[in-house]
């Protein structure tokens, strides 16, 4: 008879049958990404039309600007002629759009400082549209404050 306790053996089940995470929850954690992958795969393979696209509307006004990032927060905004519109030390939402544009342009091997179009549609929407890539941001969807940040830039022009 040994006086030493039995050595620890790793396993999937606890000896006291008291699992910390119920097995049903674990199964659902794996089922959710599998279901999402199946739905996305089905939509992709069947060329299903996109349904979350805003309704088309005629263009009311369009501006061409360049967004040049300096670091994680600073961004400079230039008009089509290259004149400085704003030099923002903490660009906020403008920096977020510039970072997204920079990422998309690097992915396509393009210069991230090339101009982007800001378009106001007759139905009131404001969008940032890159004519060189498929990058498009509906600025009105991010709230009035963020839309106002771009509208202030456009009134400086």
N, C-alpha and C. Protein backbone atom coordinates (compact mmCIF):
# COMPACT_ATOMS: atom_id res chain seq x y z
N UNK A 1 0.83 -1.17 0.00
CA UNK A 1 0.00 0.00 0.00
C UNK A 1 0.89 1.25 0.00
N UNK A 2 0.59 2.19 -0.92
CA UNK A 2 1.40 3.39 -1.10
C UNK A 2 0.78 4.54 -0.33
N UNK A 3 1.65 5.37 0.24
CA UNK A 3 1.18 6.54 0.98
C UNK A 3 1.14 7.79 0.11
N UNK A 4 1.66 7.69 -1.11
CA UNK A 4 1.68 8.83 -2.02
C UNK A 4 0.37 8.88 -2.79
N UNK A 5 -0.17 10.12 -2.97
CA UNK A 5 -1.41 10.22 -3.77
C UNK A 5 -1.12 9.91 -5.23
N UNK A 6 -2.15 9.54 -5.92
CA UNK A 6 -2.03 9.22 -7.34
C UNK A 6 -1.60 10.47 -8.11
N UNK A 7 -0.65 10.37 -9.04
CA UNK A 7 -0.19 11.55 -9.78
C UNK A 7 -1.31 12.11 -10.67
N UNK A 8 -1.21 13.42 -10.93
CA UNK A 8 -2.21 14.10 -11.76
C UNK A 8 -2.11 13.60 -13.19
N UNK A 9 -3.26 13.25 -13.78
CA UNK A 9 -3.34 12.85 -15.17
C UNK A 9 -4.28 13.83 -15.88
N UNK A 10 -3.74 14.60 -16.84
CA UNK A 10 -4.62 15.54 -17.53
C UNK A 10 -5.69 14.80 -18.32
N UNK A 11 -6.86 15.40 -18.43
CA UNK A 11 -7.94 14.78 -19.16
C UNK A 11 -8.99 15.82 -19.53
N UNK A 12 -9.98 15.38 -20.29
CA UNK A 12 -11.03 16.28 -20.73
C UNK A 12 -12.13 16.42 -19.68
N UNK A 13 -12.28 15.46 -18.82
CA UNK A 13 -13.34 15.49 -17.80
C UNK A 13 -12.72 15.55 -16.42
N UNK A 14 -13.40 16.27 -15.55
CA UNK A 14 -12.97 16.29 -14.16
C UNK A 14 -13.44 15.01 -13.48
N UNK A 15 -12.71 14.60 -12.50
CA UNK A 15 -13.05 13.37 -11.78
C UNK A 15 -14.38 13.50 -11.03
N UNK A 16 -14.69 14.71 -10.58
CA UNK A 16 -15.93 14.87 -9.81
C UNK A 16 -17.14 15.15 -10.70
N UNK A 17 -16.97 15.07 -12.04
CA UNK A 17 -18.05 15.26 -13.02
C UNK A 17 -18.68 16.65 -12.93
N UNK A 18 -17.94 17.63 -12.44
CA UNK A 18 -18.44 18.99 -12.28
C UNK A 18 -17.72 19.89 -13.30
N UNK A 19 -18.12 19.81 -14.56
CA UNK A 19 -17.49 20.62 -15.60
C UNK A 19 -17.83 22.09 -15.39
N UNK A 20 -16.86 22.95 -15.63
CA UNK A 20 -17.06 24.38 -15.44
C UNK A 20 -17.92 24.99 -16.56
N UNK A 21 -17.79 24.50 -17.78
CA UNK A 21 -18.58 25.00 -18.90
C UNK A 21 -19.47 23.85 -19.38
N UNK A 22 -20.76 24.05 -19.37
CA UNK A 22 -21.66 22.97 -19.81
C UNK A 22 -21.37 22.57 -21.25
N UNK A 23 -21.48 21.29 -21.54
CA UNK A 23 -21.16 20.76 -22.88
C UNK A 23 -22.06 21.38 -23.95
N UNK A 24 -23.31 21.67 -23.60
CA UNK A 24 -24.21 22.30 -24.56
C UNK A 24 -23.71 23.66 -25.00
N UNK A 25 -23.17 24.43 -24.06
CA UNK A 25 -22.62 25.75 -24.39
C UNK A 25 -21.39 25.62 -25.27
N UNK A 26 -20.54 24.65 -25.00
CA UNK A 26 -19.36 24.42 -25.83
C UNK A 26 -19.77 24.06 -27.25
N UNK A 27 -20.77 23.21 -27.39
CA UNK A 27 -21.26 22.83 -28.73
C UNK A 27 -21.80 24.05 -29.48
N UNK A 28 -22.53 24.91 -28.77
CA UNK A 28 -23.08 26.11 -29.41
C UNK A 28 -21.97 27.08 -29.81
N UNK A 29 -20.89 27.14 -29.02
CA UNK A 29 -19.77 28.02 -29.36
C UNK A 29 -19.14 27.59 -30.68
N UNK A 30 -19.10 26.31 -30.95
CA UNK A 30 -18.54 25.83 -32.21
C UNK A 30 -19.58 25.89 -33.33
N UNK A 31 -20.85 25.73 -33.00
CA UNK A 31 -21.90 25.73 -34.02
C UNK A 31 -22.10 27.11 -34.63
N UNK A 32 -21.95 28.17 -33.84
CA UNK A 32 -22.17 29.52 -34.34
C UNK A 32 -21.21 29.90 -35.48
N UNK A 33 -19.89 29.75 -35.34
CA UNK A 33 -19.02 30.09 -36.47
C UNK A 33 -19.21 29.15 -37.66
N UNK A 34 -19.53 27.89 -37.41
CA UNK A 34 -19.77 26.96 -38.52
C UNK A 34 -21.01 27.41 -39.29
N UNK A 35 -22.08 27.80 -38.58
CA UNK A 35 -23.29 28.27 -39.25
C UNK A 35 -23.01 29.54 -40.04
N UNK A 36 -22.24 30.46 -39.47
CA UNK A 36 -21.89 31.69 -40.18
C UNK A 36 -21.09 31.39 -41.44
N UNK A 37 -20.17 30.47 -41.35
CA UNK A 37 -19.36 30.09 -42.51
C UNK A 37 -20.24 29.47 -43.60
N UNK A 38 -21.19 28.65 -43.21
CA UNK A 38 -22.10 28.04 -44.19
C UNK A 38 -22.94 29.11 -44.88
N UNK A 39 -23.48 30.06 -44.11
CA UNK A 39 -24.30 31.12 -44.69
C UNK A 39 -23.50 32.01 -45.64
N UNK A 40 -22.32 32.39 -45.23
CA UNK A 40 -21.49 33.24 -46.09
C UNK A 40 -21.06 32.48 -47.33
N UNK A 41 -20.69 31.22 -47.17
CA UNK A 41 -20.32 30.40 -48.33
C UNK A 41 -21.47 30.25 -49.31
N UNK A 42 -22.65 30.02 -48.80
CA UNK A 42 -23.83 29.90 -49.66
C UNK A 42 -24.08 31.19 -50.42
N UNK A 43 -24.04 32.33 -49.72
CA UNK A 43 -24.28 33.62 -50.38
C UNK A 43 -23.21 33.90 -51.43
N UNK A 44 -21.99 33.52 -51.15
CA UNK A 44 -20.90 33.76 -52.10
C UNK A 44 -21.01 32.86 -53.33
N UNK A 45 -21.30 31.59 -53.11
CA UNK A 45 -21.37 30.64 -54.22
C UNK A 45 -22.58 30.84 -55.11
N UNK A 46 -23.67 31.36 -54.57
CA UNK A 46 -24.88 31.56 -55.37
C UNK A 46 -25.00 32.98 -55.90
N UNK A 47 -23.99 33.81 -55.70
CA UNK A 47 -23.99 35.21 -56.15
C UNK A 47 -25.23 35.96 -55.68
N UNK A 48 -25.59 35.75 -54.44
CA UNK A 48 -26.74 36.43 -53.86
C UNK A 48 -26.48 37.94 -53.84
N UNK A 49 -27.51 38.71 -54.17
CA UNK A 49 -27.37 40.17 -54.18
C UNK A 49 -27.20 40.69 -52.76
N UNK A 50 -26.42 41.74 -52.64
CA UNK A 50 -26.23 42.38 -51.34
C UNK A 50 -27.49 43.16 -50.98
N UNK A 51 -27.92 43.02 -49.74
CA UNK A 51 -29.15 43.68 -49.33
C UNK A 51 -28.91 44.87 -48.41
N UNK A 52 -27.72 45.05 -47.90
CA UNK A 52 -27.43 46.14 -46.97
C UNK A 52 -26.82 47.35 -47.66
N UNK A 53 -27.08 47.50 -48.94
CA UNK A 53 -26.56 48.63 -49.69
C UNK A 53 -27.60 49.75 -49.65
N UNK A 54 -27.19 50.98 -49.33
CA UNK A 54 -28.15 52.08 -49.28
C UNK A 54 -28.77 52.34 -50.66
N UNK A 55 -29.97 52.88 -50.68
CA UNK A 55 -30.62 53.14 -51.97
C UNK A 55 -29.84 54.16 -52.79
N UNK A 56 -29.83 53.95 -54.08
CA UNK A 56 -29.09 54.87 -54.94
C UNK A 56 -29.85 56.19 -55.05
N UNK A 57 -29.09 57.25 -55.23
CA UNK A 57 -29.67 58.59 -55.35
C UNK A 57 -28.73 59.42 -56.22
N UNK A 58 -29.26 60.43 -56.87
CA UNK A 58 -28.40 61.31 -57.67
C UNK A 58 -27.42 62.08 -56.78
N UNK A 59 -26.28 62.40 -57.34
CA UNK A 59 -25.25 63.15 -56.62
C UNK A 59 -25.65 64.62 -56.58
N UNK A 60 -25.65 65.17 -55.37
CA UNK A 60 -25.96 66.59 -55.19
C UNK A 60 -24.71 67.44 -55.30
N UNK A 61 -23.62 66.97 -54.65
CA UNK A 61 -22.37 67.71 -54.64
C UNK A 61 -21.23 66.74 -54.39
N UNK A 62 -20.05 67.05 -54.94
CA UNK A 62 -18.90 66.17 -54.77
C UNK A 62 -17.65 67.01 -54.53
N UNK A 63 -16.80 66.50 -53.64
CA UNK A 63 -15.52 67.15 -53.34
C UNK A 63 -14.41 66.13 -53.50
N UNK A 64 -13.26 66.58 -53.89
CA UNK A 64 -12.08 65.73 -53.97
C UNK A 64 -11.07 66.22 -52.95
N UNK A 65 -10.70 65.33 -52.03
CA UNK A 65 -9.74 65.69 -51.00
C UNK A 65 -8.69 64.59 -50.88
N UNK A 66 -7.57 64.92 -50.26
CA UNK A 66 -6.53 63.95 -49.95
C UNK A 66 -6.36 63.89 -48.44
N UNK A 67 -6.28 62.69 -47.92
CA UNK A 67 -6.05 62.47 -46.49
C UNK A 67 -4.65 61.91 -46.32
N UNK A 68 -3.81 62.61 -45.59
CA UNK A 68 -2.43 62.18 -45.37
C UNK A 68 -2.22 61.99 -43.88
N UNK A 69 -1.98 60.74 -43.49
CA UNK A 69 -1.77 60.43 -42.08
C UNK A 69 -0.32 60.62 -41.68
N UNK A 70 -0.12 61.07 -40.44
CA UNK A 70 1.23 61.30 -39.95
C UNK A 70 1.63 60.30 -38.86
N UNK A 71 0.70 59.93 -38.04
CA UNK A 71 0.94 58.91 -37.02
C UNK A 71 -0.41 58.29 -36.67
N UNK A 72 -0.53 57.73 -35.51
CA UNK A 72 -1.75 57.03 -35.14
C UNK A 72 -2.96 57.95 -35.05
N UNK A 73 -2.76 59.25 -34.82
CA UNK A 73 -3.90 60.15 -34.65
C UNK A 73 -3.89 61.36 -35.57
N UNK A 74 -2.74 61.83 -35.98
CA UNK A 74 -2.65 63.07 -36.76
C UNK A 74 -2.94 62.80 -38.23
N UNK A 75 -3.65 63.74 -38.85
CA UNK A 75 -3.97 63.64 -40.28
C UNK A 75 -4.05 65.05 -40.85
N UNK A 76 -3.58 65.19 -42.09
CA UNK A 76 -3.70 66.46 -42.81
C UNK A 76 -4.67 66.25 -43.96
N UNK A 77 -5.49 67.27 -44.23
CA UNK A 77 -6.50 67.20 -45.28
C UNK A 77 -6.17 68.27 -46.30
N UNK A 78 -6.07 67.86 -47.57
CA UNK A 78 -5.75 68.76 -48.67
C UNK A 78 -6.89 68.75 -49.68
N UNK A 79 -7.10 69.89 -50.37
CA UNK A 79 -8.12 69.93 -51.41
C UNK A 79 -7.54 69.40 -52.72
N UNK A 80 -8.31 69.46 -53.79
CA UNK A 80 -7.90 68.89 -55.08
C UNK A 80 -6.66 69.59 -55.65
N UNK A 81 -6.47 70.86 -55.31
CA UNK A 81 -5.31 71.61 -55.82
C UNK A 81 -4.08 71.45 -54.94
N UNK A 82 -4.21 70.77 -53.81
CA UNK A 82 -3.09 70.55 -52.91
C UNK A 82 -2.99 71.55 -51.78
N UNK A 83 -3.96 72.45 -51.67
CA UNK A 83 -3.96 73.44 -50.58
C UNK A 83 -4.40 72.75 -49.29
N UNK A 84 -3.74 73.10 -48.20
CA UNK A 84 -4.05 72.52 -46.90
C UNK A 84 -5.39 73.04 -46.39
N UNK A 85 -6.32 72.12 -46.14
CA UNK A 85 -7.61 72.49 -45.56
C UNK A 85 -7.56 72.43 -44.04
N UNK A 86 -6.94 71.38 -43.52
CA UNK A 86 -6.87 71.21 -42.07
C UNK A 86 -5.68 70.32 -41.72
N UNK A 87 -5.04 70.66 -40.62
CA UNK A 87 -3.96 69.84 -40.08
C UNK A 87 -4.40 69.43 -38.68
N UNK A 88 -4.93 68.23 -38.56
CA UNK A 88 -5.57 67.78 -37.32
C UNK A 88 -4.60 66.95 -36.50
N UNK A 89 -4.25 67.44 -35.31
CA UNK A 89 -3.36 66.69 -34.43
C UNK A 89 -4.05 65.44 -33.89
N UNK A 90 -5.34 65.57 -33.59
CA UNK A 90 -6.16 64.44 -33.16
C UNK A 90 -7.36 64.39 -34.10
N UNK A 91 -7.20 63.68 -35.21
CA UNK A 91 -8.20 63.68 -36.27
C UNK A 91 -9.48 62.95 -35.96
N UNK A 92 -9.49 62.09 -34.96
CA UNK A 92 -10.71 61.37 -34.60
C UNK A 92 -11.23 60.52 -35.75
N UNK A 93 -12.49 60.76 -36.12
CA UNK A 93 -13.13 59.97 -37.16
C UNK A 93 -12.45 60.15 -38.52
N UNK A 94 -11.92 61.32 -38.79
CA UNK A 94 -11.21 61.56 -40.05
C UNK A 94 -9.99 60.64 -40.13
N UNK A 95 -9.31 60.45 -39.01
CA UNK A 95 -8.16 59.53 -38.97
C UNK A 95 -8.61 58.09 -39.19
N UNK A 96 -9.76 57.72 -38.66
CA UNK A 96 -10.28 56.36 -38.87
C UNK A 96 -10.52 56.11 -40.36
N UNK A 97 -11.13 57.06 -41.04
CA UNK A 97 -11.37 56.91 -42.49
C UNK A 97 -10.05 56.88 -43.24
N UNK A 98 -9.10 57.72 -42.84
CA UNK A 98 -7.79 57.74 -43.50
C UNK A 98 -7.06 56.41 -43.31
N UNK A 99 -7.14 55.83 -42.11
CA UNK A 99 -6.50 54.54 -41.87
C UNK A 99 -7.12 53.43 -42.71
N UNK A 100 -8.44 53.43 -42.81
CA UNK A 100 -9.11 52.44 -43.65
C UNK A 100 -8.73 52.59 -45.12
N UNK A 101 -8.68 53.83 -45.59
CA UNK A 101 -8.28 54.11 -46.97
C UNK A 101 -6.84 53.67 -47.21
N UNK A 102 -5.95 53.98 -46.26
CA UNK A 102 -4.54 53.61 -46.39
C UNK A 102 -4.39 52.08 -46.47
N UNK A 103 -5.13 51.36 -45.65
CA UNK A 103 -5.06 49.90 -45.66
C UNK A 103 -5.53 49.35 -46.99
N UNK A 104 -6.64 49.85 -47.50
CA UNK A 104 -7.18 49.37 -48.78
C UNK A 104 -6.23 49.69 -49.93
N UNK A 105 -5.66 50.87 -49.92
CA UNK A 105 -4.74 51.23 -51.00
C UNK A 105 -3.45 50.43 -50.95
N UNK A 106 -2.94 50.16 -49.77
CA UNK A 106 -1.74 49.31 -49.66
C UNK A 106 -2.03 47.91 -50.17
N UNK A 107 -3.21 47.43 -49.89
CA UNK A 107 -3.62 46.11 -50.35
C UNK A 107 -3.62 46.04 -51.88
N UNK A 108 -3.94 47.17 -52.53
CA UNK A 108 -3.97 47.23 -53.99
C UNK A 108 -2.67 47.77 -54.58
N UNK A 109 -1.69 48.07 -53.73
CA UNK A 109 -0.40 48.56 -54.22
C UNK A 109 -0.46 49.99 -54.72
N UNK A 110 -1.33 50.82 -54.15
CA UNK A 110 -1.50 52.20 -54.58
C UNK A 110 -0.98 53.17 -53.53
N UNK A 111 -0.68 54.37 -53.96
CA UNK A 111 -0.22 55.43 -53.06
C UNK A 111 -1.39 55.84 -52.15
N UNK A 112 -1.22 55.75 -50.82
CA UNK A 112 -2.33 56.07 -49.93
C UNK A 112 -2.68 57.55 -49.86
N UNK A 113 -1.85 58.43 -50.44
CA UNK A 113 -2.14 59.86 -50.38
C UNK A 113 -2.90 60.38 -51.60
N UNK A 114 -3.23 59.51 -52.54
CA UNK A 114 -4.01 59.94 -53.71
C UNK A 114 -5.40 60.39 -53.27
N UNK A 115 -6.05 61.25 -54.06
CA UNK A 115 -7.33 61.83 -53.65
C UNK A 115 -8.46 60.80 -53.51
N UNK A 116 -9.44 61.20 -52.69
CA UNK A 116 -10.66 60.43 -52.47
C UNK A 116 -11.83 61.39 -52.68
N UNK A 117 -12.96 60.88 -53.11
CA UNK A 117 -14.14 61.70 -53.33
C UNK A 117 -15.07 61.64 -52.12
N UNK A 118 -15.54 62.80 -51.70
CA UNK A 118 -16.59 62.90 -50.69
C UNK A 118 -17.83 63.35 -51.44
N UNK A 119 -18.87 62.55 -51.37
CA UNK A 119 -20.06 62.78 -52.19
C UNK A 119 -21.28 62.95 -51.30
N UNK A 120 -22.04 64.03 -51.57
CA UNK A 120 -23.34 64.22 -50.91
C UNK A 120 -24.41 63.88 -51.94
N UNK A 121 -25.30 62.99 -51.55
CA UNK A 121 -26.39 62.57 -52.41
C UNK A 121 -27.65 63.39 -52.10
N UNK A 122 -28.58 63.43 -53.04
CA UNK A 122 -29.80 64.22 -52.87
C UNK A 122 -30.66 63.73 -51.71
N UNK A 123 -30.52 62.47 -51.33
CA UNK A 123 -31.31 61.95 -50.21
C UNK A 123 -30.65 62.25 -48.85
N UNK A 124 -29.56 63.05 -48.84
CA UNK A 124 -28.92 63.48 -47.61
C UNK A 124 -27.73 62.66 -47.18
N UNK A 125 -27.46 61.54 -47.84
CA UNK A 125 -26.32 60.70 -47.46
C UNK A 125 -25.02 61.39 -47.82
N UNK A 126 -23.99 61.11 -47.04
CA UNK A 126 -22.64 61.59 -47.30
C UNK A 126 -21.74 60.37 -47.31
N UNK A 127 -20.94 60.23 -48.37
CA UNK A 127 -20.12 59.03 -48.50
C UNK A 127 -18.71 59.41 -48.93
N UNK A 128 -17.73 58.64 -48.45
CA UNK A 128 -16.35 58.73 -48.90
C UNK A 128 -16.15 57.58 -49.89
N UNK A 129 -15.82 57.92 -51.12
CA UNK A 129 -15.71 56.91 -52.18
C UNK A 129 -14.33 57.02 -52.81
N UNK A 130 -13.62 55.91 -52.81
CA UNK A 130 -12.30 55.86 -53.45
C UNK A 130 -12.49 55.42 -54.89
N UNK A 131 -12.16 56.26 -55.87
CA UNK A 131 -12.35 55.89 -57.27
C UNK A 131 -11.36 54.83 -57.75
N UNK A 132 -10.31 54.55 -56.97
CA UNK A 132 -9.28 53.61 -57.41
C UNK A 132 -9.47 52.20 -56.86
N UNK A 133 -10.22 52.06 -55.79
CA UNK A 133 -10.47 50.74 -55.19
C UNK A 133 -11.96 50.61 -54.92
N UNK A 134 -12.37 49.55 -54.28
CA UNK A 134 -13.78 49.38 -53.93
C UNK A 134 -14.09 49.92 -52.54
N UNK A 135 -13.23 50.75 -51.99
CA UNK A 135 -13.42 51.32 -50.65
C UNK A 135 -14.51 52.38 -50.70
N UNK A 136 -15.51 52.20 -49.87
CA UNK A 136 -16.63 53.14 -49.78
C UNK A 136 -17.13 53.15 -48.35
N UNK A 137 -17.26 54.34 -47.79
CA UNK A 137 -17.74 54.47 -46.43
C UNK A 137 -18.92 55.42 -46.44
N UNK A 138 -20.05 54.95 -45.97
CA UNK A 138 -21.24 55.79 -45.81
C UNK A 138 -21.07 56.56 -44.50
N UNK A 139 -20.66 57.81 -44.59
CA UNK A 139 -20.32 58.61 -43.41
C UNK A 139 -21.53 58.90 -42.54
N UNK A 140 -22.72 58.93 -43.12
CA UNK A 140 -23.92 59.21 -42.34
C UNK A 140 -24.26 58.06 -41.39
N UNK A 141 -23.71 56.89 -41.61
CA UNK A 141 -24.02 55.74 -40.78
C UNK A 141 -23.26 55.72 -39.46
N UNK A 142 -22.33 56.64 -39.29
CA UNK A 142 -21.52 56.67 -38.08
C UNK A 142 -21.95 57.76 -37.10
N UNK A 143 -23.13 58.32 -37.32
CA UNK A 143 -23.66 59.32 -36.39
C UNK A 143 -23.43 60.74 -36.87
N UNK A 144 -24.21 61.63 -36.28
CA UNK A 144 -24.18 63.04 -36.70
C UNK A 144 -22.85 63.72 -36.40
N UNK A 145 -22.23 63.38 -35.26
CA UNK A 145 -20.96 64.02 -34.92
C UNK A 145 -19.87 63.67 -35.92
N UNK A 146 -19.81 62.41 -36.31
CA UNK A 146 -18.78 61.98 -37.26
C UNK A 146 -19.06 62.54 -38.66
N UNK A 147 -20.32 62.60 -39.04
CA UNK A 147 -20.66 63.21 -40.32
C UNK A 147 -20.31 64.69 -40.30
N UNK A 148 -20.56 65.34 -39.18
CA UNK A 148 -20.26 66.77 -39.04
C UNK A 148 -18.77 67.05 -39.15
N UNK A 149 -17.94 66.09 -38.73
CA UNK A 149 -16.49 66.27 -38.85
C UNK A 149 -16.09 66.44 -40.30
N UNK A 150 -16.67 65.66 -41.19
CA UNK A 150 -16.37 65.80 -42.61
C UNK A 150 -17.04 67.01 -43.21
N UNK A 151 -18.24 67.34 -42.77
CA UNK A 151 -18.92 68.51 -43.30
C UNK A 151 -18.15 69.79 -42.98
N UNK A 152 -17.54 69.85 -41.78
CA UNK A 152 -16.72 71.02 -41.42
C UNK A 152 -15.53 71.14 -42.37
N UNK A 153 -14.91 70.00 -42.69
CA UNK A 153 -13.78 70.02 -43.62
C UNK A 153 -14.20 70.53 -44.99
N UNK A 154 -15.38 70.13 -45.43
CA UNK A 154 -15.83 70.49 -46.77
C UNK A 154 -16.22 71.96 -46.86
N UNK A 155 -16.65 72.55 -45.75
CA UNK A 155 -16.97 73.97 -45.78
C UNK A 155 -15.72 74.84 -45.79
N UNK A 156 -14.57 74.27 -45.41
CA UNK A 156 -13.30 75.01 -45.47
C UNK A 156 -12.83 75.16 -46.91
N UNK A 157 -13.34 74.31 -47.78
CA UNK A 157 -12.87 74.28 -49.17
C UNK A 157 -13.32 75.51 -49.93
